[in-house]
Amino acid sequence: MSRCVGAAIRASFATDDSACCAIFPLTYLSVKISEEHRLPSFWQLQVGGWAVYFCVVLLSYLPSKELRGDMLYRLVFCGVCFLASFPLHIVCRRLWRRQTPWVSVLRVIALTCYLLGLICGTILLWIEAKYLMPQWEKFQWPYIFANALSPTFMLALWSALYFGIKHYGAQSEERARLLRLESLVHQAELKALQYQIHPHFLFNTLNSISTLVYERDTATANRMIARLADFFRATLDNEGSYESPLRDELDITRLYLEIEKTRLGERLTVIEETDSALLESGVPRLLLQPLVENAVRHGIAKRREGGELFIAAFRENENLVIQVRNQLVPLNGKPCTYGIGLTNIRTRLQQLYGDAHQFSIDFSAEDVCKVMIRIPFHTYVAPMETVGAKNIENGAP
């Protein structure tokens, strides 16, 4: 069953790649290759590279008047090689697309460069004999083979640059593809963790309602069912985001505490200290409720006299700090264990924020448990607002 759910989750993310960026505005989980990070096109590199080479040749010969003839020859050489690179590009492109083995590529490129070098050498020798230095040079066929060496070397260098750039681009695309796959896996894990919270809470609450019905306390059971409906309406009314504003998390936590107060009565005392300026800050969905549930069920509810539950949220430099403190039955040296709720929170925080978060549980005091969460402070941005901002940047209506 879990494998089927995981496969369905992965499929849903694969079909809705555009929503990933909106869901994770602050993490590395949605990775895409933006236009500015892509390699320039062939025409940009072709024209730009030869233009730079042309300018370098021109500037290197300008200071010396005695070498003007050589300068003209080098400029003509540059133009002829530039034209020869186009048929060479056709050969290189076919070899690359067919994924020809490198040994065969070297043989074909060497032969092609030399044949094109012979053609270029013939053209250069003819131009030099007829126009550049007619009084010194006469066109002689044996000189063609020697004159072909420089164009051959230039075209071989061009081929090496072509395959080098292609190889680098392919490696970059492969890295981006692997990052996207890793992103989808992380998103699927987060979705599975979020789905895990509801059955855990529902089981505990239904167990309490069952106890009340068994004790024939139908009025209290009805109140708990009503509060349970309100709670699930609030938790299931989400926009597909893994974050929510702190205000919503507090509202959901208060609904849960009303359910527990119905069961525990005066044994549960809640103290809440939250800076109103932080209510719109972004926090992971269903972060507070599992913490509070753990504090109530495994701490205060087990004490005969009950206890106090303290919830605080404040800003510390560039971080949002959330603290939950509760009284519990003294451990008396017994080791503490982490249930589904705390393990779930720890994993989700690691997935969302990596090393930028802190999560600690302090049992140093025998009858008090302190939980502290520190995450990067940021204002919550709804998924639709993120998509709208991206559309505005891209010029979409």
Protein backbone atom coordinates (compact mmCIF):
# COMPACT_ATOMS: atom_id res chain seq x y z
CA MET A 1 0.00 0.00 0.00
CA SER A 2 2.76 2.46 0.96
CA ARG A 3 4.59 1.73 -2.31
CA CYS A 4 1.45 2.49 -4.30
CA VAL A 5 0.92 5.74 -2.43
CA GLY A 6 4.58 6.71 -3.02
CA ALA A 7 4.27 5.95 -6.75
CA ALA A 8 1.07 7.99 -7.00
CA ILE A 9 2.68 10.90 -5.20
CA ARG A 10 5.70 10.80 -7.52
CA ALA A 11 3.39 10.69 -10.54
CA SER A 12 1.41 13.70 -9.31
CA PHE A 13 4.57 15.74 -8.90
CA ALA A 14 5.93 14.66 -12.28
CA THR A 15 2.77 15.86 -14.03
CA ASP A 16 2.67 19.20 -12.26
CA ASP A 17 6.23 20.46 -12.42
CA SER A 18 5.16 24.09 -12.66
CA ALA A 19 3.64 24.00 -9.19
CA CYS A 20 6.85 22.83 -7.53
CA CYS A 21 8.41 26.28 -7.46
CA ALA A 22 5.31 27.71 -5.84
CA ILE A 23 5.24 25.02 -3.16
CA PHE A 24 8.90 25.41 -2.19
CA PRO A 25 9.77 29.11 -2.49
CA LEU A 26 12.56 28.90 0.08
CA THR A 27 14.21 25.54 -0.42
CA TYR A 28 16.42 23.82 -2.94
CA LEU A 29 13.77 21.19 -3.63
CA SER A 30 12.53 22.62 -6.92
CA VAL A 31 15.45 22.83 -9.31
CA LYS A 32 15.02 24.14 -12.85
CA ILE A 33 17.43 25.39 -15.49
CA SER A 34 16.65 29.05 -16.04
CA GLU A 35 17.29 30.71 -19.35
CA GLU A 36 20.27 32.70 -18.13
CA HIS A 37 22.07 29.50 -17.04
CA ARG A 38 21.79 27.75 -20.37
CA LEU A 39 24.74 27.66 -22.73
CA PRO A 40 24.73 30.13 -25.64
CA SER A 41 23.47 28.86 -28.99
CA PHE A 42 25.75 27.62 -31.76
CA TRP A 43 25.38 30.83 -33.75
CA GLN A 44 26.30 32.99 -30.76
CA LEU A 45 29.44 30.98 -30.10
CA GLN A 46 30.32 30.67 -33.79
CA VAL A 47 30.02 34.35 -34.66
CA GLY A 48 31.34 35.58 -31.32
CA GLY A 49 34.37 33.27 -31.28
CA TRP A 50 35.50 34.04 -34.81
CA ALA A 51 34.88 37.76 -34.28
CA VAL A 52 37.15 37.72 -31.24
CA TYR A 53 39.84 35.85 -33.19
CA PHE A 54 39.52 38.33 -36.08
CA CYS A 55 39.91 41.30 -33.71
CA VAL A 56 42.94 39.74 -31.98
CA VAL A 57 44.67 39.19 -35.33
CA LEU A 58 43.83 42.71 -36.46
CA LEU A 59 45.09 44.36 -33.27
CA SER A 60 48.28 42.29 -33.18
CA TYR A 61 49.37 43.44 -36.65
CA LEU A 62 48.24 47.08 -36.60
CA PRO A 63 51.28 48.58 -34.77
CA SER A 64 53.72 47.32 -37.44
CA LYS A 65 53.47 48.79 -40.95
CA GLU A 66 55.98 46.26 -42.33
CA LEU A 67 53.64 43.38 -41.55
CA ARG A 68 50.52 44.76 -43.27
CA GLY A 69 50.85 42.08 -45.96
CA ASP A 70 50.93 39.35 -43.33
CA MET A 71 47.96 40.96 -41.63
CA LEU A 72 45.89 40.76 -44.81
CA TYR A 73 46.87 37.13 -45.23
CA ARG A 74 45.86 36.31 -41.64
CA LEU A 75 42.52 38.08 -42.05
CA VAL A 76 41.84 36.15 -45.26
CA PHE A 77 42.95 32.99 -43.44
CA CYS A 78 40.43 33.76 -40.68
CA GLY A 79 37.62 34.26 -43.20
CA VAL A 80 38.37 31.07 -45.11
CA CYS A 81 38.51 28.99 -41.93
CA PHE A 82 35.27 30.60 -40.74
CA LEU A 83 33.51 29.42 -43.90
CA ALA A 84 35.09 25.97 -43.65
CA SER A 85 33.79 25.54 -40.10
CA PHE A 86 30.19 25.28 -41.37
CA PRO A 87 30.59 21.99 -43.28
CA LEU A 88 32.74 20.80 -40.37
CA HIS A 89 29.87 21.65 -38.03
CA ILE A 90 27.54 19.39 -40.02
CA VAL A 91 29.95 16.48 -39.61
CA CYS A 92 30.50 17.11 -35.89
CA ARG A 93 26.77 17.44 -35.22
CA ARG A 94 26.00 14.13 -36.90
CA LEU A 95 28.75 12.37 -34.97
CA TRP A 96 27.46 13.82 -31.69
CA ARG A 97 23.82 12.95 -32.32
CA ARG A 98 24.69 9.38 -33.32
CA GLN A 99 26.79 9.02 -30.15
CA THR A 100 29.71 7.74 -32.21
CA PRO A 101 32.59 6.19 -30.19
CA TRP A 102 35.45 8.59 -29.55
CA VAL A 103 37.95 6.53 -31.53
CA SER A 104 35.78 6.76 -34.63
CA VAL A 105 35.16 10.45 -33.95
CA LEU A 106 38.90 11.14 -33.89
CA ARG A 107 39.43 9.32 -37.19
CA VAL A 108 36.54 11.05 -38.97
CA ILE A 109 37.40 14.50 -37.61
CA ALA A 110 41.08 14.14 -38.49
CA LEU A 111 40.24 13.15 -42.06
CA THR A 112 37.59 15.86 -42.42
CA CYS A 113 39.86 18.57 -41.02
CA TYR A 114 42.68 17.60 -43.34
CA LEU A 115 40.43 17.52 -46.43
CA LEU A 116 38.95 20.90 -45.54
CA GLY A 117 42.49 22.08 -44.75
CA LEU A 118 43.58 21.11 -48.26
CA ILE A 119 40.71 23.10 -49.72
CA CYS A 120 41.46 26.09 -47.51
CA GLY A 121 45.17 25.83 -48.27
CA THR A 122 44.47 25.79 -52.01
CA ILE A 123 42.23 28.86 -51.75
CA LEU A 124 44.75 30.73 -49.58
CA LEU A 125 47.64 29.86 -51.87
CA TRP A 126 45.69 31.04 -54.92
CA ILE A 127 44.61 34.32 -53.26
CA GLU A 128 48.14 34.95 -52.02
CA ALA A 129 49.69 34.33 -55.44
CA LYS A 130 47.11 36.33 -57.37
CA TYR A 131 46.25 39.29 -55.13
CA LEU A 132 48.37 39.66 -51.99
CA MET A 133 51.90 39.16 -53.33
CA PRO A 134 51.71 38.59 -57.09
CA GLN A 135 55.28 39.76 -57.60
CA TRP A 136 56.67 37.17 -55.19
CA GLU A 137 54.36 34.18 -55.33
CA LYS A 138 53.39 31.87 -58.10
CA PHE A 139 50.74 29.25 -57.65
CA GLN A 140 52.45 25.86 -57.33
CA TRP A 141 50.54 22.68 -56.55
CA PRO A 142 53.22 21.07 -54.32
CA TYR A 143 52.83 23.97 -51.87
CA ILE A 144 49.21 23.04 -51.21
CA PHE A 145 50.05 20.22 -48.79
CA ALA A 146 52.33 22.41 -46.71
CA ASN A 147 49.87 25.30 -46.83
CA ALA A 148 47.08 22.99 -45.58
CA LEU A 149 48.71 22.43 -42.18
CA SER A 150 47.64 25.74 -40.59
CA PRO A 151 43.95 25.50 -41.66
CA THR A 152 43.89 21.84 -40.57
CA PHE A 153 45.22 22.76 -37.14
CA MET A 154 42.70 25.61 -36.82
CA LEU A 155 39.77 23.40 -37.81
CA ALA A 156 40.94 20.63 -35.46
CA LEU A 157 41.02 23.18 -32.65
CA TRP A 158 37.50 24.28 -33.61
CA SER A 159 36.32 20.65 -33.48
CA ALA A 160 37.87 20.17 -30.04
CA LEU A 161 36.06 23.28 -28.76
CA TYR A 162 32.79 22.08 -30.31
CA PHE A 163 32.91 18.67 -28.62
CA GLY A 164 34.18 20.19 -25.38
CA ILE A 165 31.25 22.61 -25.20
CA LYS A 166 28.80 19.87 -26.14
CA HIS A 167 30.20 17.57 -23.45
CA TYR A 168 30.01 20.31 -20.82
CA GLY A 169 26.41 21.10 -21.80
CA ALA A 170 25.44 17.42 -21.61
CA GLN A 171 27.03 17.11 -18.16
CA SER A 172 25.18 20.21 -16.96
CA GLU A 173 21.86 18.87 -18.23
CA GLU A 174 22.51 15.52 -16.56
CA ARG A 175 23.29 17.19 -13.24
CA ALA A 176 20.11 19.26 -13.51
CA ARG A 177 18.09 16.14 -14.35
CA LEU A 178 19.44 14.32 -11.31
CA LEU A 179 18.66 17.32 -9.12
CA ARG A 180 15.10 17.41 -10.46
CA LEU A 181 14.72 13.70 -9.69
CA GLU A 182 16.09 14.25 -6.19
CA SER A 183 13.65 17.14 -5.82
CA LEU A 184 10.71 14.92 -6.75
CA VAL A 185 11.82 12.27 -4.26
CA HIS A 186 12.07 14.86 -1.46
CA GLN A 187 8.63 16.23 -2.33
CA ALA A 188 7.13 12.74 -2.31
CA GLU A 189 8.69 12.04 1.10
CA LEU A 190 7.32 15.31 2.48
CA LYS A 191 3.85 14.55 1.15
CA ALA A 192 3.94 11.07 2.70
CA LEU A 193 5.04 12.55 6.03
CA GLN A 194 2.22 15.07 5.95
CA TYR A 195 -0.31 12.32 5.21
CA GLN A 196 1.07 10.39 8.19
CA ILE A 197 -0.03 13.07 10.68
CA HIS A 198 -3.78 12.78 10.12
CA PRO A 199 -4.18 9.03 10.85
CA HIS A 200 -2.03 9.38 13.97
CA PHE A 201 -4.13 12.24 15.37
CA LEU A 202 -7.41 10.69 14.26
CA PHE A 203 -6.63 7.41 16.00
CA ASN A 204 -5.88 9.16 19.30
CA THR A 205 -8.97 11.37 19.15
CA LEU A 206 -11.36 8.57 18.16
CA ASN A 207 -9.95 6.50 20.97
CA SER A 208 -10.88 9.29 23.42
CA ILE A 209 -14.37 9.60 21.91
CA SER A 210 -14.81 5.84 22.20
CA THR A 211 -13.89 6.04 25.88
CA LEU A 212 -16.44 8.82 26.47
CA VAL A 213 -19.17 6.82 24.70
CA TYR A 214 -18.28 3.75 26.75
CA GLU A 215 -18.61 5.89 29.90
CA ARG A 216 -22.00 7.14 28.56
CA ASP A 217 -20.80 10.77 28.53
CA THR A 218 -22.60 11.47 25.26
CA ALA A 219 -22.68 15.27 25.63
CA THR A 220 -18.91 15.48 25.92
CA ALA A 221 -18.49 12.99 23.08
CA ASN A 222 -20.74 15.10 20.83
CA ARG A 223 -18.71 18.22 21.61
CA MET A 224 -15.50 16.39 20.77
CA ILE A 225 -16.97 15.15 17.47
CA ALA A 226 -17.99 18.71 16.57
CA ARG A 227 -14.53 20.04 17.43
CA LEU A 228 -12.97 17.16 15.48
CA ALA A 229 -14.99 18.13 12.40
CA ASP A 230 -13.84 21.74 12.74
CA PHE A 231 -10.25 20.61 13.15
CA PHE A 232 -10.24 18.45 10.04
CA ARG A 233 -12.01 21.14 8.04
CA ALA A 234 -9.17 23.50 8.96
CA THR A 235 -6.34 21.03 8.35
CA LEU A 236 -7.67 19.71 5.05
CA ASP A 237 -8.39 23.18 3.68
CA ASN A 238 -4.93 23.78 2.21
CA GLU A 239 -3.57 25.07 -1.10
CA GLY A 240 -1.09 22.27 -1.75
CA SER A 241 1.64 24.04 0.19
CA TYR A 242 3.99 22.53 2.73
CA GLU A 243 4.08 25.81 4.62
CA SER A 244 1.38 27.95 6.17
CA PRO A 245 1.30 31.22 8.13
CA LEU A 246 1.89 30.99 11.86
CA ARG A 247 -1.59 32.45 12.38
CA ASP A 248 -3.21 29.36 10.79
CA GLU A 249 -1.02 26.99 12.77
CA LEU A 250 -2.09 28.66 16.01
CA ASP A 251 -5.76 28.46 15.01
CA ILE A 252 -5.46 24.73 14.26
CA THR A 253 -3.63 24.18 17.54
CA ARG A 254 -6.37 26.01 19.47
CA LEU A 255 -9.01 23.76 17.85
CA TYR A 256 -7.06 20.73 18.97
CA LEU A 257 -6.67 22.13 22.50
CA GLU A 258 -10.44 22.67 22.70
CA ILE A 259 -10.86 18.97 22.00
CA GLU A 260 -8.40 18.09 24.74
CA LYS A 261 -9.92 20.58 27.19
CA THR A 262 -13.26 18.87 26.66
CA ARG A 263 -11.63 15.66 27.83
CA LEU A 264 -9.26 16.96 30.51
CA GLY A 265 -11.20 19.95 31.82
CA GLU A 266 -9.35 22.06 34.38
CA ARG A 267 -6.41 19.69 34.43
CA LEU A 268 -5.11 21.42 31.27
CA THR A 269 -3.89 25.02 31.50
CA VAL A 270 -2.64 26.71 28.34
CA ILE A 271 -0.35 29.75 28.33
CA GLU A 272 0.37 31.33 24.95
CA GLU A 273 2.89 34.08 24.22
CA THR A 274 3.19 35.03 20.56
CA ASP A 275 4.35 38.28 19.00
CA SER A 276 1.52 39.54 16.78
CA ALA A 277 4.10 40.80 14.24
CA LEU A 278 5.04 37.18 13.51
CA LEU A 279 1.59 35.87 12.65
CA GLU A 280 2.25 36.02 8.91
CA SER A 281 5.62 34.27 9.08
CA GLY A 282 5.90 30.96 7.25
CA VAL A 283 6.16 27.67 9.17
CA PRO A 284 5.75 24.02 8.10
CA ARG A 285 2.12 22.90 7.97
CA LEU A 286 0.93 21.06 11.06
CA LEU A 287 4.07 21.91 13.00
CA LEU A 288 2.55 23.03 16.29
CA GLN A 289 -0.33 20.56 16.59
CA PRO A 290 1.84 17.39 16.79
CA LEU A 291 4.10 19.13 19.35
CA VAL A 292 1.12 20.13 21.47
CA GLU A 293 -0.48 16.70 21.08
CA ASN A 294 2.73 15.05 22.25
CA ALA A 295 2.91 17.42 25.22
CA VAL A 296 -0.70 16.82 26.26
CA ARG A 297 -1.03 13.07 25.73
CA HIS A 298 2.41 11.96 26.93
CA GLY A 299 2.92 14.64 29.55
CA ILE A 300 0.02 16.51 31.09
CA ALA A 301 -2.68 13.84 30.60
CA LYS A 302 -0.61 11.29 32.56
CA ARG A 303 -0.35 13.56 35.59
CA ARG A 304 -3.13 13.15 38.13
CA GLU A 305 -3.19 16.90 38.82
CA GLY A 306 -2.69 17.88 35.16
CA GLY A 307 -0.28 20.66 34.29
CA GLU A 308 0.58 23.74 32.28
CA LEU A 309 1.27 23.90 28.56
CA PHE A 310 3.39 26.88 27.48
CA ILE A 311 3.54 27.94 23.80
CA ALA A 312 5.77 30.80 22.64
CA ALA A 313 6.91 32.19 19.29
CA PHE A 314 9.41 35.02 18.92
CA ARG A 315 12.02 36.33 16.51
CA GLU A 316 15.72 36.02 17.24
CA ASN A 317 17.91 37.81 14.67
CA GLU A 318 17.01 36.25 11.31
CA ASN A 319 15.32 33.20 12.84
CA LEU A 320 11.86 32.34 14.07
CA VAL A 321 11.96 30.48 17.38
CA ILE A 322 9.06 28.33 18.56
CA GLN A 323 9.01 26.85 22.05
CA VAL A 324 6.64 24.34 23.61
CA ARG A 325 7.06 23.51 27.30
CA ASN A 326 4.94 21.13 29.35
CA GLN A 327 4.92 19.35 32.68
CA LEU A 328 5.17 15.58 32.74
CA VAL A 329 5.47 12.63 35.05
CA PRO A 330 9.06 12.49 36.39
CA LEU A 331 11.18 10.16 34.27
CA ASN A 332 13.19 8.83 37.23
CA GLY A 333 16.07 7.92 34.96
CA LYS A 334 13.91 6.19 32.35
CA PRO A 335 15.02 6.79 28.72
CA CYS A 336 12.72 8.98 26.67
CA THR A 337 11.44 7.76 23.31
CA TYR A 338 10.24 9.73 20.29
CA GLY A 339 6.90 8.78 18.81
CA ILE A 340 5.47 9.34 15.34
CA GLY A 341 4.77 13.04 15.89
CA LEU A 342 8.27 14.14 16.94
CA THR A 343 10.02 11.89 14.44
CA ASN A 344 7.78 13.25 11.70
CA ILE A 345 8.57 16.85 12.63
CA ARG A 346 12.31 16.20 12.78
CA THR A 347 12.29 14.63 9.32
CA ARG A 348 10.14 17.36 7.75
CA LEU A 349 12.32 20.14 9.15
CA GLN A 350 15.41 18.45 7.73
CA GLN A 351 13.75 18.07 4.34
CA LEU A 352 12.53 21.67 4.20
CA TYR A 353 15.42 23.63 5.73
CA GLY A 354 18.42 21.32 5.84
CA ASP A 355 21.18 22.62 8.12
CA ALA A 356 19.45 26.01 8.46
CA HIS A 357 17.18 24.73 11.25
CA GLN A 358 17.56 23.56 14.86
CA PHE A 359 15.31 21.12 16.68
CA SER A 360 16.01 20.22 20.29
CA ILE A 361 14.17 18.43 23.11
CA ASP A 362 15.33 19.10 26.67
CA PHE A 363 14.52 16.70 29.52
CA SER A 364 17.13 18.17 31.87
CA ALA A 365 14.41 19.00 34.39
CA GLU A 366 12.83 15.76 35.64
CA ASP A 367 9.22 16.97 35.43
CA VAL A 368 9.44 19.40 32.47
CA CYS A 369 9.92 18.83 28.74
CA LYS A 370 11.12 21.73 26.56
CA VAL A 371 10.95 21.62 22.77
CA MET A 372 12.67 24.35 20.76
CA ILE A 373 12.50 24.83 16.98
CA ARG A 374 14.54 27.45 15.15
CA ILE A 375 13.93 28.04 11.43
CA PRO A 376 14.83 30.88 9.01
CA PHE A 377 12.37 33.75 9.38
CA HIS A 378 10.40 34.59 6.25
CA THR A 379 6.94 35.88 5.40
CA TYR A 380 4.55 33.25 4.12
CA VAL A 381 3.77 33.46 0.41
CA ALA A 382 0.71 31.56 -0.82
CA PRO A 383 1.26 29.28 -3.85
CA MET A 384 -1.10 31.29 -6.07
CA GLU A 385 0.75 34.50 -5.17
CA THR A 386 4.03 32.85 -6.14
CA VAL A 387 2.63 31.70 -9.47
CA GLY A 388 1.18 35.16 -10.08
CA ALA A 389 4.53 36.80 -9.39
CA LYS A 390 6.27 34.41 -11.80
CA ASN A 391 3.66 35.16 -14.49
CA ILE A 392 4.23 38.89 -14.05
CA GLU A 393 8.00 38.41 -14.41
CA ASN A 394 7.50 36.33 -17.55
CA GLY A 395 5.01 38.80 -19.01
CA ALA A 396 2.11 36.36 -18.86
CA PRO A 397 -1.42 37.72 -18.27
